Amino acid sequence: MTARGKHVLFISRQRLVGTTNGSSTYLIDLARAVRAAGMVPHLLQPAPTLMGRWPMLTLRPEMAVFETHVARGLLRVGNRLISLSPRLYSSVARAGVAALARRAGVQAAWARDRKAPYAVAIPWTAADHRFVAQHARGRCDVAIADYMFNAEAFADLPAGTPTAIVMHDLFHARGSAATDSVAQVERAHEVAMLARADAVIAIQATEARFVADEVPGTRAILAPMAATPVARPQPGTVDRLLFVGSDTAPNVDGLRWFFDAVWPSIRAAAPTTRLEVAGSVARAFPDGAPEGVTLLGLVDSLVPLYAAAGVVISPLTFGSGLKIKLIEALAAGKAIVATPVTLQGVERECAGAVDCTDDAAAFAAHVLALRDDERRARQAAAALAVAVAHFSPAACYRDVQQWLTASVSPPSTPAPSAPAS
């Protein structure tokens, strides 16, 4: 028996429609690595709460990497997922009324915007467990939980099924500054959840070391986010900056810090400078952004934005995990200015290729210094060289593929010894 043709079941409760944010991109990339190893990836989503406030989601072409995609409480019609929950439609209607009231100046408690909770951390229900037990059959030679919270599903699988957790983040290390619901995890609880798996797939070296040191009996597999580098560096346009991020607390807080502490200095010294902000992080700024900043929201493709930008910024002030947008920017051959938080786990690889500081004045100075065409071109070339050397798919996912293959292949038995004469 070999690994070829074996089935790998990804169990996820995140809103996964394509490569629209860092965690989704990473999971889809791991599914591609499963394909590259000759195995068959499936996606099982046991919680209808993943829809949040959206009654319908459109799946992007990259979701085709999964051989099957089954979601509880959702109807799949072509490339669309449609919620079957009357409660969700009622919630959408209430949210619409509240939004209209806020625009009209109403400040009552009922009119306040309330985010839907993150589905990945919502407690599991009996219906979730039954769904996994029913639909895992025939799709599960190996199970991979997307986030440690989904290790709950392992109890519903056939005995002896090899299991892994995609770590994404070391949540207890995010600190008290984190405000999104998935971040509130005590260290001991996190260790206990990670210990449920045979292996933990860590996105950066610091977190892989934590698993190796603190979660005995669980294998730590380092698998940095991979990227396909562009053919040549892209120095871009001198007065265009780019920030890419989803609507999570680290991105929102980091961008607010940049708007308040850094952007005024840049604009004062170089008034023609413009910043484009791509991704769902724009939702966190309903009142707009400072002058010179364009909130693009979700875009069909980041390729032209990366190509045109002179500098990509990553002003994160807290967080953990490998910052996937950093890897994208490196692979796009861009000059980058980032904070030390952004470089956590890849400091050695990025040394000299990324301008790094958490001081507001120095951050602005780095951005302004990159208005020099030669300096910007050098930094873009250095960034691309880092991506080529350290973040190719073959380099990043080799250990994951080897673990998968070993997990479904029985150990070879030595040939019997010849009888003694």
Protein backbone atom coordinates (compact mmCIF):
# COMPACT_ATOMS: atom_id res chain seq x y z
CA MET A 1 0.00 0.00 0.00
CA THR A 2 1.25 3.50 -0.88
CA ALA A 3 -0.03 7.01 -0.20
CA ARG A 4 -1.18 7.53 -3.79
CA GLY A 5 -4.94 7.77 -4.02
CA LYS A 6 -5.43 7.97 -0.24
CA HIS A 7 -7.95 10.48 1.12
CA VAL A 8 -7.08 13.47 3.32
CA LEU A 9 -10.02 15.13 5.07
CA PHE A 10 -9.68 18.81 5.98
CA ILE A 11 -12.14 19.79 8.73
CA SER A 12 -12.69 23.53 8.79
CA ARG A 13 -15.13 26.04 10.23
CA GLN A 14 -13.63 29.16 8.72
CA ARG A 15 -15.36 31.07 5.93
CA LEU A 16 -13.39 29.42 3.15
CA VAL A 17 -14.31 30.60 -0.35
CA GLY A 18 -10.86 30.93 -1.93
CA THR A 19 -7.51 32.63 -1.37
CA THR A 20 -9.18 35.72 0.09
CA ASN A 21 -7.17 35.97 3.31
CA GLY A 22 -4.06 34.51 4.91
CA SER A 23 -5.54 31.52 6.71
CA SER A 24 -7.64 30.51 3.69
CA THR A 25 -4.66 30.83 1.36
CA TYR A 26 -2.54 28.64 3.64
CA LEU A 27 -5.17 25.90 3.92
CA ILE A 28 -5.73 25.80 0.15
CA ASP A 29 -1.98 25.66 -0.34
CA LEU A 30 -1.78 22.65 1.97
CA ALA A 31 -4.54 20.98 -0.05
CA ARG A 32 -2.47 21.58 -3.19
CA ALA A 33 0.49 19.95 -1.44
CA VAL A 34 -1.74 16.93 -0.73
CA ARG A 35 -2.55 16.77 -4.44
CA ALA A 36 1.13 17.04 -5.31
CA ALA A 37 1.82 14.05 -3.06
CA GLY A 38 -0.66 11.96 -5.08
CA MET A 39 -3.37 12.04 -2.41
CA VAL A 40 -6.96 13.33 -2.59
CA PRO A 41 -8.04 16.32 -0.43
CA HIS A 42 -11.64 16.71 0.77
CA LEU A 43 -13.22 19.60 2.71
CA LEU A 44 -15.79 19.04 5.46
CA GLN A 45 -17.42 22.03 7.19
CA PRO A 46 -19.67 20.93 10.07
CA ALA A 47 -20.84 24.36 11.34
CA PRO A 48 -23.30 26.53 9.38
CA THR A 49 -22.20 29.49 11.52
CA LEU A 50 -19.23 29.88 9.17
CA MET A 51 -21.54 32.04 7.00
CA GLY A 52 -21.48 34.82 9.59
CA ARG A 53 -23.96 37.37 8.27
CA TRP A 54 -23.75 36.25 4.67
CA PRO A 55 -26.78 34.35 3.34
CA MET A 56 -24.82 33.36 0.23
CA LEU A 57 -21.13 32.91 -0.55
CA THR A 58 -19.52 32.56 -3.97
CA LEU A 59 -16.73 30.00 -4.21
CA ARG A 60 -13.68 31.00 -6.22
CA PRO A 61 -12.02 28.70 -8.79
CA GLU A 62 -9.16 27.74 -6.45
CA MET A 63 -11.66 25.82 -4.26
CA ALA A 64 -11.65 23.15 -6.97
CA VAL A 65 -8.52 21.71 -5.35
CA PHE A 66 -10.90 19.85 -3.00
CA GLU A 67 -12.34 16.68 -4.51
CA THR A 68 -15.50 17.10 -2.43
CA HIS A 69 -16.85 19.96 -0.30
CA VAL A 70 -19.68 19.23 2.13
CA ALA A 71 -21.05 21.90 4.51
CA ARG A 72 -23.74 21.40 7.16
CA GLY A 73 -26.87 23.52 6.79
CA LEU A 74 -25.76 24.96 3.47
CA LEU A 75 -27.02 24.28 -0.03
CA ARG A 76 -24.38 24.04 -2.77
CA VAL A 77 -25.63 25.36 -6.12
CA GLY A 78 -22.85 25.52 -8.69
CA ASN A 79 -20.16 27.73 -7.20
CA ARG A 80 -22.43 29.17 -4.51
CA LEU A 81 -23.15 28.21 -0.92
CA ILE A 82 -26.61 29.27 0.25
CA SER A 83 -27.67 29.27 3.90
CA LEU A 84 -30.81 27.34 4.83
CA SER A 85 -31.15 29.07 8.23
CA PRO A 86 -34.20 31.34 8.68
CA ARG A 87 -32.44 32.82 11.73
CA LEU A 88 -29.59 34.04 9.54
CA TYR A 89 -31.94 35.87 7.16
CA SER A 90 -33.66 37.51 10.13
CA SER A 91 -30.25 38.57 11.47
CA VAL A 92 -29.28 40.02 8.09
CA ALA A 93 -32.49 42.05 8.04
CA ARG A 94 -31.88 43.38 11.55
CA ALA A 95 -28.30 44.31 10.67
CA GLY A 96 -29.52 46.21 7.60
CA VAL A 97 -32.03 48.19 9.66
CA ALA A 98 -29.37 48.96 12.27
CA ALA A 99 -26.93 50.15 9.57
CA LEU A 100 -29.56 52.52 8.15
CA ALA A 101 -30.25 53.81 11.66
CA ARG A 102 -26.57 54.51 12.30
CA ARG A 103 -26.33 56.47 9.05
CA ALA A 104 -29.29 58.52 10.22
CA GLY A 105 -27.47 59.34 13.45
CA VAL A 106 -29.23 56.91 15.79
CA GLN A 107 -26.92 55.96 18.68
CA ALA A 108 -29.18 53.58 20.58
CA ALA A 109 -27.78 50.26 21.75
CA TRP A 110 -29.90 48.29 19.26
CA ALA A 111 -28.32 50.21 16.35
CA ARG A 112 -24.72 49.35 17.22
CA ASP A 113 -22.78 47.16 14.85
CA ARG A 114 -22.14 43.72 16.30
CA LYS A 115 -19.78 41.41 14.50
CA ALA A 116 -20.77 37.81 14.07
CA PRO A 117 -18.58 35.58 16.25
CA TYR A 118 -15.70 33.73 14.63
CA ALA A 119 -17.02 30.30 13.70
CA VAL A 120 -13.65 28.61 14.26
CA ALA A 121 -13.87 29.08 18.03
CA ILE A 122 -17.59 28.50 18.63
CA PRO A 123 -18.23 25.48 20.90
CA TRP A 124 -19.02 22.27 19.07
CA THR A 125 -22.57 20.92 19.08
CA ALA A 126 -23.93 17.41 18.94
CA ALA A 127 -25.12 18.14 15.39
CA ASP A 128 -21.56 19.09 14.38
CA HIS A 129 -20.25 15.76 15.73
CA ARG A 130 -22.95 13.73 14.00
CA PHE A 131 -22.21 15.48 10.72
CA VAL A 132 -18.50 14.62 10.91
CA ALA A 133 -19.18 10.99 11.82
CA GLN A 134 -21.59 10.66 8.89
CA HIS A 135 -19.58 12.39 6.18
CA ALA A 136 -16.03 11.37 7.09
CA ARG A 137 -16.67 7.84 5.85
CA GLY A 138 -14.80 7.16 2.62
CA ARG A 139 -12.99 10.50 2.76
CA CYS A 140 -10.65 10.03 5.67
CA ASP A 141 -7.42 8.06 5.58
CA VAL A 142 -5.89 11.10 7.31
CA ALA A 143 -7.70 13.98 9.06
CA ILE A 144 -6.38 17.54 9.24
CA ALA A 145 -8.12 20.01 11.56
CA ASP A 146 -8.05 23.62 10.40
CA TYR A 147 -7.20 25.36 13.71
CA MET A 148 -6.84 23.49 17.00
CA PHE A 149 -10.48 24.17 17.95
CA ASN A 150 -11.51 21.57 15.36
CA ALA A 151 -9.59 18.79 17.09
CA GLU A 152 -13.01 18.11 18.65
CA ALA A 153 -13.80 16.29 15.39
CA PHE A 154 -11.14 13.63 15.97
CA ALA A 155 -13.47 11.81 18.39
CA ASP A 156 -15.89 11.22 15.50
CA LEU A 157 -13.38 9.49 13.22
CA PRO A 158 -12.58 5.78 12.96
CA ALA A 159 -10.15 4.61 15.63
CA GLY A 160 -6.54 4.86 14.55
CA THR A 161 -7.05 7.61 11.97
CA PRO A 162 -3.84 9.69 11.75
CA THR A 163 -4.57 13.29 12.71
CA ALA A 164 -2.92 16.69 12.36
CA ILE A 165 -3.77 20.27 13.31
CA VAL A 166 -3.00 23.26 11.13
CA MET A 167 -1.79 25.62 13.83
CA HIS A 168 -2.01 28.99 12.00
CA ASP A 169 -1.26 30.91 15.20
CA LEU A 170 0.05 30.50 18.74
CA PHE A 171 -3.05 32.07 20.22
CA HIS A 172 -2.03 32.48 23.86
CA ALA A 173 1.04 34.42 22.66
CA ARG A 174 -1.04 37.08 20.92
CA GLY A 175 -1.36 38.97 24.20
CA SER A 176 -4.09 41.02 25.78
CA ALA A 177 -4.10 43.48 22.87
CA ALA A 178 -5.96 40.93 20.76
CA THR A 179 -9.67 41.63 20.62
CA ASP A 180 -11.02 39.04 18.19
CA SER A 181 -12.78 36.07 19.70
CA VAL A 182 -10.37 33.37 18.56
CA ALA A 183 -7.51 34.97 20.47
CA GLN A 184 -8.71 34.40 24.03
CA VAL A 185 -7.01 31.12 24.85
CA GLU A 186 -4.99 30.22 27.93
CA ARG A 187 -1.61 28.60 27.41
CA ALA A 188 -2.51 25.34 29.19
CA HIS A 189 -5.74 25.02 27.19
CA GLU A 190 -3.87 25.57 23.94
CA VAL A 191 -1.31 22.90 24.79
CA ALA A 192 -4.11 20.48 25.65
CA MET A 193 -5.89 21.06 22.35
CA LEU A 194 -2.70 20.68 20.32
CA ALA A 195 -1.90 17.45 22.16
CA ARG A 196 -5.01 15.79 20.68
CA ALA A 197 -3.27 15.45 17.31
CA ASP A 198 -0.55 13.12 16.13
CA ALA A 199 1.12 16.09 14.40
CA VAL A 200 0.89 19.87 14.39
CA ILE A 201 1.62 21.81 11.21
CA ALA A 202 3.27 25.09 12.26
CA ILE A 203 3.63 27.98 9.88
CA GLN A 204 6.83 29.41 11.38
CA ALA A 205 9.87 28.19 13.30
CA THR A 206 9.13 29.78 16.68
CA GLU A 207 5.79 28.03 16.87
CA ALA A 208 7.19 24.72 15.66
CA ARG A 209 9.74 24.89 18.49
CA PHE A 210 6.93 25.57 20.99
CA VAL A 211 5.14 22.40 19.90
CA ALA A 212 8.33 20.35 19.99
CA ASP A 213 9.19 21.60 23.49
CA GLU A 214 5.76 21.85 25.12
CA VAL A 215 3.53 19.23 23.47
CA PRO A 216 5.27 15.88 24.05
CA GLY A 217 4.09 13.01 21.93
CA THR A 218 2.92 15.29 19.11
CA ARG A 219 5.15 15.75 16.10
CA ALA A 220 5.95 19.34 15.10
CA ILE A 221 6.05 19.88 11.33
CA LEU A 222 7.39 23.21 10.11
CA ALA A 223 5.61 24.25 6.91
CA PRO A 224 6.04 27.95 6.10
CA MET A 225 3.59 29.53 3.69
CA ALA A 226 4.83 28.99 0.15
CA ALA A 227 4.68 31.45 -2.70
CA THR A 228 5.49 31.42 -6.39
CA PRO A 229 8.05 34.16 -7.00
CA VAL A 230 7.71 36.55 -9.92
CA ALA A 231 10.33 36.44 -12.65
CA ARG A 232 12.04 39.70 -11.68
CA PRO A 233 11.89 42.40 -8.96
CA GLN A 234 9.10 44.98 -9.21
CA PRO A 235 10.27 48.36 -7.85
CA GLY A 236 6.88 49.88 -8.74
CA THR A 237 5.85 53.53 -8.63
CA VAL A 238 7.62 55.81 -6.21
CA ASP A 239 4.57 57.41 -4.59
CA ARG A 240 2.31 54.33 -4.24
CA LEU A 241 2.14 52.34 -1.01
CA LEU A 242 0.15 49.14 -0.45
CA PHE A 243 -1.29 47.40 2.59
CA VAL A 244 -3.09 44.05 2.25
CA GLY A 245 -5.03 42.46 5.09
CA SER A 246 -8.24 40.89 6.31
CA ASP A 247 -10.57 42.26 8.97
CA THR A 248 -8.77 40.87 12.02
CA ALA A 249 -7.61 42.66 15.15
CA PRO A 250 -3.85 42.69 14.32
CA ASN A 251 -4.47 44.19 10.87
CA VAL A 252 -7.00 46.73 12.11
CA ASP A 253 -4.89 47.90 15.06
CA GLY A 254 -1.72 48.02 12.98
CA LEU A 255 -3.36 50.10 10.28
CA ARG A 256 -4.83 52.48 12.84
CA TRP A 257 -1.36 52.95 14.33
CA PHE A 258 0.01 53.69 10.87
CA PHE A 259 -2.78 56.20 10.12
CA ASP A 260 -2.30 57.99 13.44
CA ALA A 261 1.46 57.86 14.02
CA VAL A 262 3.15 57.37 10.64
CA TRP A 263 1.00 58.58 7.76
CA PRO A 264 0.98 62.32 8.72
CA SER A 265 4.81 62.45 8.57
CA ILE A 266 4.92 60.73 5.20
CA ARG A 267 2.31 63.02 3.70
CA ALA A 268 3.99 66.11 5.09
CA ALA A 269 7.31 65.17 3.50
CA ALA A 270 5.89 63.74 0.25
CA PRO A 271 2.32 65.04 -0.36
CA THR A 272 1.88 63.05 -3.58
CA THR A 273 2.20 59.73 -1.74
CA ARG A 274 -0.88 57.51 -1.88
CA LEU A 275 -1.74 54.39 0.13
CA GLU A 276 -4.02 51.66 -1.23
CA VAL A 277 -5.57 49.29 1.31
CA ALA A 278 -6.79 45.97 -0.12
CA GLY A 279 -8.75 43.31 1.70
CA SER A 280 -11.65 43.07 4.11
CA VAL A 281 -9.78 45.18 6.68
CA ALA A 282 -11.53 48.11 4.97
CA ARG A 283 -14.73 47.08 6.80
CA ALA A 284 -13.17 48.24 10.07
CA PHE A 285 -13.09 51.83 8.81
CA PRO A 286 -16.74 52.61 7.99
CA ASP A 287 -16.10 56.35 8.37
CA GLY A 288 -13.35 56.29 5.76
CA ALA A 289 -9.60 56.76 5.92
CA PRO A 290 -7.20 59.74 6.05
CA GLU A 291 -6.62 61.87 3.01
CA GLY A 292 -4.49 60.09 0.42
CA VAL A 293 -5.69 56.62 1.49
CA THR A 294 -7.97 54.52 -0.72
CA LEU A 295 -9.88 51.63 0.86
CA LEU A 296 -10.29 49.10 -1.95
CA GLY A 297 -11.90 46.25 0.00
CA LEU A 298 -11.76 42.79 -1.55
CA VAL A 299 -10.28 42.78 -5.05
CA ASP A 300 -10.36 40.16 -7.78
CA SER A 301 -6.57 40.05 -8.02
CA LEU A 302 -3.69 41.47 -6.01
CA VAL A 303 -1.25 41.00 -8.89
CA PRO A 304 -1.62 44.48 -10.45
CA LEU A 305 -1.61 46.15 -7.02
CA TYR A 306 1.66 44.48 -6.03
CA ALA A 307 3.20 45.28 -9.41
CA ALA A 308 2.36 48.99 -9.17
CA ALA A 309 3.21 49.59 -5.51
CA GLY A 310 6.55 51.18 -4.72
CA VAL A 311 6.48 50.01 -1.09
CA VAL A 312 4.43 47.38 0.72
CA ILE A 313 3.86 48.18 4.40
CA SER A 314 3.10 45.80 7.27
CA PRO A 315 2.75 47.88 10.46
CA LEU A 316 1.48 45.13 12.79
CA THR A 317 1.79 45.85 16.51
CA PHE A 318 0.80 42.42 17.85
CA GLY A 319 -0.01 38.95 16.60
CA SER A 320 1.58 35.57 16.06
CA GLY A 321 2.00 33.11 13.24
CA LEU A 322 3.76 33.66 9.96
CA LYS A 323 2.43 36.79 8.28
CA ILE A 324 1.30 35.40 4.96
CA LYS A 325 1.03 38.79 3.29
CA LEU A 326 4.74 39.26 4.04
CA ILE A 327 5.52 36.12 2.04
CA GLU A 328 3.31 37.36 -0.80
CA ALA A 329 5.14 40.68 -0.87
CA LEU A 330 8.54 38.98 -0.86
CA ALA A 331 7.48 36.74 -3.74
CA ALA A 332 6.16 39.76 -5.63
CA GLY A 333 9.66 41.28 -5.45
CA LYS A 334 8.68 44.35 -3.44
CA ALA A 335 10.45 46.79 -1.18
CA ILE A 336 8.89 46.25 2.26
CA VAL A 337 8.73 48.26 5.47
CA ALA A 338 7.50 46.23 8.44
CA THR A 339 7.45 46.02 12.20
CA PRO A 340 9.29 43.32 14.20
CA VAL A 341 5.94 41.59 14.84
CA THR A 342 5.58 41.03 11.10
CA LEU A 343 8.96 39.29 10.94
CA GLN A 344 8.38 36.93 13.88
CA GLY A 345 9.79 33.52 13.03
CA VAL A 346 11.54 34.62 9.82
CA GLU A 347 13.91 37.26 11.15
CA ARG A 348 17.00 35.39 9.97
CA GLU A 349 15.68 34.75 6.48
CA CYS A 350 14.56 38.38 5.99
CA ALA A 351 17.62 40.07 7.48
CA GLY A 352 18.74 42.85 5.14
CA ALA A 353 15.82 42.36 2.76
CA VAL A 354 13.08 44.11 4.78
CA ASP A 355 13.32 47.49 6.51
CA CYS A 356 12.15 46.83 10.05
CA THR A 357 11.19 49.08 12.96
CA ASP A 358 8.38 49.63 15.45
CA ASP A 359 9.21 53.31 15.93
CA ALA A 360 6.76 55.57 14.11
CA ALA A 361 9.29 58.19 13.06
CA ALA A 362 11.74 55.54 11.83
CA PHE A 363 8.94 53.74 9.96
CA ALA A 364 8.10 56.93 8.10
CA ALA A 365 11.79 57.55 7.41
CA HIS A 366 12.20 54.08 5.89
CA VAL A 367 9.23 54.63 3.60
CA LEU A 368 10.53 58.02 2.50
CA ALA A 369 14.05 56.67 1.92
CA LEU A 370 12.60 54.18 -0.54
CA ARG A 371 11.58 57.05 -2.80
CA ASP A 372 15.14 56.70 -4.08
CA ASP A 373 14.82 54.52 -7.18
CA GLU A 374 18.12 52.68 -6.74
CA ARG A 375 17.52 51.87 -3.10
CA ARG A 376 13.98 50.68 -3.81
CA ALA A 377 15.22 48.46 -6.64
CA ARG A 378 17.89 46.92 -4.37
CA GLN A 379 15.35 46.13 -1.66
CA ALA A 380 12.93 44.66 -4.18
CA ALA A 381 15.67 42.38 -5.53
CA ALA A 382 16.69 41.33 -2.01
CA ALA A 383 13.09 40.49 -1.12
CA LEU A 384 12.66 38.35 -4.23
CA ALA A 385 15.89 36.49 -3.47
CA VAL A 386 14.55 35.60 0.00
CA ALA A 387 11.33 34.23 -1.52
CA VAL A 388 13.23 32.10 -4.04
CA ALA A 389 15.62 30.70 -1.43
CA HIS A 390 13.22 29.97 1.42
CA PHE A 391 9.57 29.92 0.37
CA SER A 392 9.18 27.73 -2.71
CA PRO A 393 6.38 25.11 -2.48
CA ALA A 394 8.86 22.23 -2.68
CA ALA A 395 10.88 23.56 0.25
CA CYS A 396 7.89 24.54 2.41
CA TYR A 397 5.71 21.43 2.15
CA ARG A 398 8.22 18.59 1.84
CA ASP A 399 7.92 17.56 5.51
CA VAL A 400 4.11 17.64 5.44
CA GLN A 401 4.07 15.39 2.38
CA GLN A 402 6.52 12.99 3.97
CA TRP A 403 4.41 12.77 7.14
CA LEU A 404 1.24 12.13 5.13
CA THR A 405 2.90 9.38 3.14
CA ALA A 406 4.33 7.72 6.25
CA SER A 407 0.98 7.96 8.07
CA VAL A 408 -0.90 5.83 5.54
CA SER A 409 1.92 3.49 4.55
CA PRO A 410 2.63 0.51 6.81
CA PRO A 411 6.24 0.14 7.96
CA SER A 412 8.20 -2.21 5.81
CA THR A 413 8.94 -5.57 7.37
CA PRO A 414 12.34 -7.11 6.93
CA ALA A 415 12.61 -10.27 4.86
CA PRO A 416 12.70 -13.40 7.01
CA SER A 417 16.15 -14.68 7.78
CA ALA A 418 17.30 -17.84 6.10
CA PRO A 419 17.15 -20.82 8.47
CA ALA A 420 20.45 -21.76 9.98
CA SER A 421 22.05 -24.76 8.38
